[in-house]
């Protein structure tokens, strides 16, 4: 290959690298591999021309062989610019479960639930199939308790501010800091991963596995009470609060989003200066969730969300026929 040809190939590679660099979804390994494939394709064309002109060169053949070997090395290695796996500190997350290292108040602050509730939740999901490693996996999954800690810690970092205690100027500052990732709302899996000495991707996978395991328990815990259960709830509310024929307490809430949705994002902007979706929750007097309905944009009024729930549309299936007068008037 002549010097002029080399100059053309290098110029082409620089242009391609600039194009790939502007595509955020491509890793550096992928960019490197694609550039190498382009280089090999060009060298193959020039090798055919040299062969036809009887201009074979042992040096050129040796360079081609080295490039092919380099390509095989790239394909066979999952990681190129960092080690294959990070060193995991197996002691840190175990220390989090130790009463002497983290007391009960600190545990609840970090992981948003008491220690005994954490143990109960672990017992419910520890045997879920999502935590079983595939036969094709090169390494076993992390301990289920570690995955649950990552999930709880991520939720704890995304705790919302009570905006009614802040002035408009303070809210704007908080919103700005959240976008910079300097507080809970801007928390990323890289922050959680560094806390537990796992990679960002590992933390993300742990979070999704726990969500899948928890969703499998939805129908077991979130269900409408039977007629006998409704009678017991109603009697309890009557004796405690003095309200007759009440089986549930309903309210709307916002589920915050980390960023503005691309589709109709303005519809999700709430009065609290965050982007969120609406959720309607019905619970009993013991704060047990009986019904949940979500998905509407954050700026929709609670009444509109309520009118579209199946409870409001078909009250006779959820209440005694004589106790639906309030629902009917709505």
Protein backbone atom coordinates (compact mmCIF):
# COMPACT_ATOMS: atom_id res chain seq x y z
CA UNK A 1 0.00 0.00 0.00
CA UNK A 2 1.42 3.38 -0.99
CA UNK A 3 1.73 6.45 1.21
CA UNK A 4 -1.10 8.12 -0.69
CA UNK A 5 -3.36 5.17 -0.08
CA UNK A 6 -2.46 5.25 3.62
CA UNK A 7 -3.38 8.95 3.77
CA UNK A 8 -6.78 8.25 2.17
CA UNK A 9 -7.53 5.38 4.55
CA UNK A 10 -6.52 7.35 7.66
CA UNK A 11 -8.60 10.34 6.56
CA UNK A 12 -11.59 8.07 6.02
CA UNK A 13 -11.12 6.48 9.43
CA UNK A 14 -10.93 9.88 11.14
CA UNK A 15 -14.17 10.93 9.48
CA UNK A 16 -15.90 7.69 10.46
CA UNK A 17 -14.65 7.97 14.03
CA UNK A 18 -16.06 11.49 14.28
CA UNK A 19 -19.42 10.21 13.08
CA UNK A 20 -19.43 7.30 15.52
CA UNK A 21 -18.35 9.54 18.36
CA UNK A 22 -21.53 11.58 18.00
CA UNK A 23 -23.65 8.45 18.52
CA UNK A 24 -23.90 8.02 22.32
CA UNK A 25 -25.23 4.46 22.21
CA UNK A 26 -22.03 3.03 20.70
CA UNK A 27 -19.28 1.94 23.05
CA UNK A 28 -15.61 2.67 22.42
CA UNK A 29 -15.09 -1.04 21.76
CA UNK A 30 -17.79 -1.04 19.05
CA UNK A 31 -16.32 2.07 17.42
CA UNK A 32 -12.85 0.54 17.46
CA UNK A 33 -14.15 -2.70 15.97
CA UNK A 34 -16.06 -0.96 13.17
CA UNK A 35 -13.07 1.16 12.25
CA UNK A 36 -10.91 -1.95 12.12
CA UNK A 37 -13.43 -3.70 9.87
CA UNK A 38 -13.42 -0.71 7.52
CA UNK A 39 -9.65 -0.81 7.46
CA UNK A 40 -9.59 -4.53 6.67
CA UNK A 41 -12.16 -4.10 3.92
CA UNK A 42 -10.04 -1.42 2.25
CA UNK A 43 -6.87 -3.47 2.59
CA UNK A 44 -8.63 -6.46 1.02
CA UNK A 45 -9.50 -4.36 -2.04
CA UNK A 46 -5.92 -3.10 -2.38
CA UNK A 47 -4.59 -6.65 -1.92
CA UNK A 48 -6.69 -7.81 -4.89
CA UNK A 49 -5.31 -4.98 -7.02
CA UNK A 50 -1.71 -5.82 -6.02
CA UNK A 51 -2.30 -9.49 -6.76
CA UNK A 52 -3.65 -8.73 -10.23
CA UNK A 53 -0.69 -6.47 -10.92
CA UNK A 54 1.72 -9.04 -9.52
CA UNK A 55 2.85 -6.64 -6.78
CA UNK A 56 2.66 -8.93 -3.75
CA UNK A 57 4.59 -7.94 -0.64
CA UNK A 58 5.44 -10.04 2.39
CA UNK A 59 5.30 -6.95 4.63
CA UNK A 60 1.77 -6.16 3.48
CA UNK A 61 0.68 -9.77 4.08
CA UNK A 62 2.15 -9.66 7.57
CA UNK A 63 0.28 -6.44 8.37
CA UNK A 64 -2.97 -7.95 7.11
CA UNK A 65 -2.45 -11.00 9.30
CA UNK A 66 -1.79 -8.83 12.36
CA UNK A 67 -4.95 -6.82 11.70
CA UNK A 68 -7.02 -10.01 11.43
CA UNK A 69 -5.55 -11.29 14.69
CA UNK A 70 -6.31 -7.96 16.34
CA UNK A 71 -9.92 -8.19 15.12
CA UNK A 72 -10.28 -11.69 16.54
CA UNK A 73 -8.95 -10.45 19.86
CA UNK A 74 -11.52 -7.62 19.95
CA UNK A 75 -14.41 -9.96 19.19
CA UNK A 76 -13.35 -12.49 21.81
CA UNK A 77 -13.09 -9.87 24.60
CA UNK A 78 -16.20 -8.32 26.06
CA UNK A 79 -14.34 -5.35 27.53
CA UNK A 80 -11.58 -3.38 25.85
CA UNK A 81 -10.90 -0.25 27.91
CA UNK A 82 -11.43 -1.65 31.41
CA UNK A 83 -11.06 -4.89 33.30
CA UNK A 84 -13.64 -7.60 32.73
CA UNK A 85 -15.16 -7.45 36.20
CA UNK A 86 -14.79 -5.08 39.09
CA UNK A 87 -13.51 -6.28 42.41
CA UNK A 88 -16.53 -6.65 44.69
CA UNK A 89 -16.38 -5.78 48.35
CA UNK A 90 -18.45 -8.63 49.78
CA UNK A 91 -18.15 -7.17 53.26
CA UNK A 92 -19.84 -3.78 52.76
CA UNK A 93 -23.37 -4.96 52.04
CA UNK A 94 -23.08 -7.58 54.77
CA UNK A 95 -22.10 -4.81 57.17
CA UNK A 96 -25.31 -3.01 56.22
CA UNK A 97 -27.23 -5.94 57.70
CA UNK A 98 -25.25 -5.88 60.93
CA UNK A 99 -27.06 -4.23 63.86
CA UNK A 100 -23.80 -3.11 65.43
CA UNK A 101 -22.60 -1.26 62.30
CA UNK A 102 -25.89 0.31 61.15
CA UNK A 103 -28.61 0.78 63.76
CA UNK A 104 -32.31 0.45 63.00
CA UNK A 105 -32.88 4.18 62.49
CA UNK A 106 -30.00 4.47 60.01
CA UNK A 107 -31.16 1.36 58.17
CA UNK A 108 -34.64 2.81 57.75
CA UNK A 109 -33.18 6.11 56.57
CA UNK A 110 -30.91 4.47 53.97
CA UNK A 111 -33.26 1.76 52.71
CA UNK A 112 -36.71 3.26 53.42
CA UNK A 113 -38.02 0.35 55.50
CA UNK A 114 -37.43 -1.19 58.92
CA UNK A 115 -34.95 -4.04 59.12
CA UNK A 116 -37.64 -6.62 59.99
CA UNK A 117 -39.72 -5.61 56.96
CA UNK A 118 -36.63 -5.97 54.80
CA UNK A 119 -36.20 -9.53 56.06
CA UNK A 120 -39.87 -10.28 55.38
CA UNK A 121 -39.59 -8.93 51.86
CA UNK A 122 -36.45 -10.97 51.27
CA UNK A 123 -38.25 -14.16 52.36
CA UNK A 124 -41.04 -13.43 49.87
CA UNK A 125 -38.86 -12.99 46.78
CA UNK A 126 -35.69 -14.99 47.45
CA UNK A 127 -36.93 -18.08 45.57
CA UNK A 128 -38.24 -16.21 42.51
CA UNK A 129 -37.00 -17.60 39.23
CA UNK A 130 -35.60 -14.23 38.14
CA UNK A 131 -32.76 -14.70 40.63
CA UNK A 132 -31.68 -17.99 39.07
CA UNK A 133 -28.66 -17.69 36.82
CA UNK A 134 -29.03 -18.84 33.24
CA UNK A 135 -27.11 -21.90 32.08
CA UNK A 136 -25.37 -19.61 29.62
CA UNK A 137 -24.18 -17.15 32.29
CA UNK A 138 -20.46 -17.03 32.85
CA UNK A 139 -20.85 -15.90 36.45
CA UNK A 140 -23.54 -16.49 39.09
CA UNK A 141 -25.83 -13.66 40.13
CA UNK A 142 -25.19 -11.48 43.14
CA UNK A 143 -26.68 -12.47 46.45
CA UNK A 144 -30.43 -11.78 46.55
CA UNK A 145 -30.04 -9.69 49.71
CA UNK A 146 -27.48 -7.51 47.94
CA UNK A 147 -29.84 -7.03 44.99
CA UNK A 148 -32.65 -6.07 47.34
CA UNK A 149 -30.37 -3.62 49.16
CA UNK A 150 -29.46 -1.99 45.84
CA UNK A 151 -33.15 -1.68 44.97
CA UNK A 152 -34.07 -0.14 48.34
CA UNK A 153 -31.09 2.20 48.35
CA UNK A 154 -31.93 3.48 44.86
CA UNK A 155 -35.51 4.20 45.96
CA UNK A 156 -34.17 5.96 49.06
CA UNK A 157 -32.01 8.24 46.92
CA UNK A 158 -35.03 9.20 44.81
CA UNK A 159 -37.13 10.43 47.73
CA UNK A 160 -39.18 13.46 46.75
CA UNK A 161 -38.99 16.79 48.56
CA UNK A 162 -42.01 18.11 50.40
CA UNK A 163 -42.42 21.10 48.15
CA UNK A 164 -45.02 22.89 50.24
CA UNK A 165 -42.28 23.85 52.73
CA UNK A 166 -40.19 25.69 50.11
CA UNK A 167 -40.51 29.05 48.45
CA UNK A 168 -40.71 29.37 44.67
CA UNK A 169 -37.07 30.47 44.49
CA UNK A 170 -35.95 27.48 46.60
CA UNK A 171 -37.95 25.10 44.41
CA UNK A 172 -36.19 26.38 41.32
CA UNK A 173 -32.80 25.82 42.97
CA UNK A 174 -33.81 22.29 44.01
CA UNK A 175 -35.04 21.51 40.50
CA UNK A 176 -31.75 22.79 39.04
CA UNK A 177 -29.70 20.65 41.45
CA UNK A 178 -31.81 17.60 40.63
CA UNK A 179 -31.04 18.00 36.95
CA UNK A 180 -27.34 18.14 37.78
CA UNK A 181 -27.68 14.88 39.69
CA UNK A 182 -26.58 16.43 42.99
CA UNK A 183 -29.42 15.00 45.08
CA UNK A 184 -31.79 12.05 45.23
CA UNK A 185 -33.92 12.82 42.20
CA UNK A 186 -30.87 12.81 39.93
CA UNK A 187 -29.46 9.58 41.37
CA UNK A 188 -27.97 7.24 38.80
CA UNK A 189 -27.11 3.60 38.90
CA UNK A 190 -23.45 4.54 38.74
CA UNK A 191 -23.78 6.19 42.16
CA UNK A 192 -25.56 3.17 43.62
CA UNK A 193 -23.05 0.83 42.00
CA UNK A 194 -20.09 2.68 43.48
CA UNK A 195 -21.75 2.49 46.89
CA UNK A 196 -22.00 -1.30 46.75
CA UNK A 197 -18.85 -1.86 44.65
CA UNK A 198 -20.65 -3.19 41.58
CA UNK A 199 -20.83 -1.86 38.05
CA UNK A 200 -23.55 0.46 36.82
CA UNK A 201 -24.97 -2.27 34.60
CA UNK A 202 -25.03 -4.75 37.47
CA UNK A 203 -26.91 -2.29 39.68
CA UNK A 204 -29.45 -1.72 36.90
CA UNK A 205 -30.00 -5.45 36.43
CA UNK A 206 -30.43 -5.96 40.19
CA UNK A 207 -33.02 -3.19 40.29
CA UNK A 208 -35.02 -4.68 37.41
CA UNK A 209 -34.90 -8.20 38.82
CA UNK A 210 -36.31 -7.06 42.16
CA UNK A 211 -39.08 -5.11 40.41
CA UNK A 212 -40.03 -8.21 38.42
CA UNK A 213 -40.08 -10.32 41.57
CA UNK A 214 -42.21 -7.76 43.42
CA UNK A 215 -44.69 -7.44 40.55
CA UNK A 216 -45.29 -11.18 40.69
CA UNK A 217 -46.72 -10.62 44.21
CA UNK A 218 -49.09 -7.83 43.14
CA UNK A 219 -52.29 -9.88 43.01
CA UNK A 220 -51.46 -11.53 46.30
CA UNK A 221 -51.21 -8.30 48.29
CA UNK A 222 -53.13 -5.65 46.30
CA UNK A 223 -56.67 -6.97 46.07
CA UNK A 224 -60.16 -5.72 46.82
CA UNK A 225 -61.62 -7.05 50.09
CA UNK A 226 -64.44 -9.55 50.10
CA UNK A 227 -67.90 -8.75 51.50
CA UNK A 228 -66.96 -10.04 54.96
CA UNK A 229 -63.65 -8.14 54.91
CA UNK A 230 -65.44 -4.96 53.87
CA UNK A 231 -67.84 -5.34 56.79
CA UNK A 232 -64.92 -5.68 59.24
CA UNK A 233 -63.15 -2.64 57.76
CA UNK A 234 -66.35 -0.60 57.88
CA UNK A 235 -66.98 -1.47 61.53
CA UNK A 236 -63.39 -0.61 62.40
CA UNK A 237 -63.57 2.80 60.71
CA UNK A 238 -66.93 3.53 62.31
CA UNK A 239 -65.68 2.77 65.81
CA UNK A 240 -62.41 4.67 65.37
CA UNK A 241 -63.38 7.68 63.25
CA UNK A 242 -67.16 7.78 63.36
CA UNK A 243 -67.76 7.49 59.61
CA UNK A 244 -70.44 4.93 58.69
CA UNK A 245 -70.35 2.60 55.66
CA UNK A 246 -66.72 3.41 54.72
CA UNK A 247 -64.47 0.65 53.37
CA UNK A 248 -61.56 2.66 52.00
CA UNK A 249 -59.70 5.96 51.88
CA UNK A 250 -58.79 7.31 48.44
CA UNK A 251 -56.27 9.90 47.32
CA UNK A 252 -54.21 10.84 44.30
CA UNK A 253 -50.45 11.10 44.21
CA UNK A 254 -47.62 11.79 41.79
CA UNK A 255 -44.96 9.31 40.69
CA UNK A 256 -41.99 11.48 39.78
CA UNK A 257 -40.08 11.03 36.52
CA UNK A 258 -36.36 11.65 36.24
CA UNK A 259 -36.72 13.72 33.07
CA UNK A 260 -39.21 15.31 30.71
CA UNK A 261 -40.94 12.74 28.44
CA UNK A 262 -40.27 13.23 24.74
CA UNK A 263 -43.93 12.72 23.83
CA UNK A 264 -46.21 15.52 25.12
CA UNK A 265 -43.82 16.32 27.93
CA UNK A 266 -45.73 19.46 28.92
CA UNK A 267 -48.68 17.29 29.98
CA UNK A 268 -46.54 15.65 32.65
CA UNK A 269 -45.37 18.90 34.28
CA UNK A 270 -47.05 19.21 37.67
CA UNK A 271 -47.78 22.11 39.97
CA UNK A 272 -44.81 20.97 42.07
CA UNK A 273 -42.37 21.81 39.27
CA UNK A 274 -41.51 18.18 38.46
CA UNK A 275 -42.49 15.77 35.70
CA UNK A 276 -44.68 12.94 36.94
CA UNK A 277 -47.54 10.56 36.22
CA UNK A 278 -50.76 10.38 38.22
CA UNK A 279 -51.68 7.51 40.52
CA UNK A 280 -54.93 6.87 42.38
CA UNK A 281 -54.64 4.74 45.53
CA UNK A 282 -57.38 3.26 47.73
CA UNK A 283 -56.34 1.85 51.10
CA UNK A 284 -58.04 0.79 54.32
CA UNK A 285 -57.67 2.31 57.78
CA UNK A 286 -54.52 0.24 58.36
CA UNK A 287 -52.80 1.70 55.27
CA UNK A 288 -53.13 -1.54 53.32
CA UNK A 289 -53.48 -0.83 49.60
CA UNK A 290 -56.70 -2.22 48.17
CA UNK A 291 -56.60 -0.76 44.66
CA UNK A 292 -54.09 1.18 42.54
CA UNK A 293 -54.56 2.90 39.21
CA UNK A 294 -51.83 4.89 37.40
CA UNK A 295 -50.68 6.11 34.01
CA UNK A 296 -52.32 9.49 33.49
CA UNK A 297 -50.09 12.57 32.96
CA UNK A 298 -49.14 14.56 36.03
CA UNK A 299 -51.20 17.68 35.28
CA UNK A 300 -54.50 15.78 35.06
CA UNK A 301 -56.95 16.49 37.89
CA UNK A 302 -57.65 13.79 40.47
CA UNK A 303 -61.35 13.79 39.63
CA UNK A 304 -60.69 12.89 36.02
CA UNK A 305 -58.43 10.02 37.04
CA UNK A 306 -61.06 8.80 39.50
CA UNK A 307 -63.86 8.86 36.91
CA UNK A 308 -61.79 6.55 34.70
CA UNK A 309 -61.10 3.92 37.38
CA UNK A 310 -62.95 0.62 37.19
CA UNK A 311 -64.19 1.19 40.76
CA UNK A 312 -66.01 4.37 39.73
CA UNK A 313 -67.30 2.87 36.47
CA UNK A 314 -68.65 -0.31 38.06
CA UNK A 315 -69.27 0.43 41.76
CA UNK A 316 -71.78 -2.39 42.26
CA UNK A 317 -68.95 -4.92 41.80
CA UNK A 318 -66.90 -3.36 44.60
CA UNK A 319 -69.48 -2.11 47.11
CA UNK A 320 -72.72 -3.28 48.61
CA UNK A 321 -75.62 -2.10 46.42
CA UNK A 322 -76.95 0.06 49.24
CA UNK A 323 -73.63 1.86 49.78
CA UNK A 324 -72.97 3.27 46.29
CA UNK A 325 -75.01 6.48 46.50
CA UNK A 326 -71.92 8.66 46.94
CA UNK A 327 -70.19 7.04 43.98
CA UNK A 328 -73.29 7.35 41.82
CA UNK A 329 -73.55 11.10 42.49
CA UNK A 330 -69.94 11.57 41.36
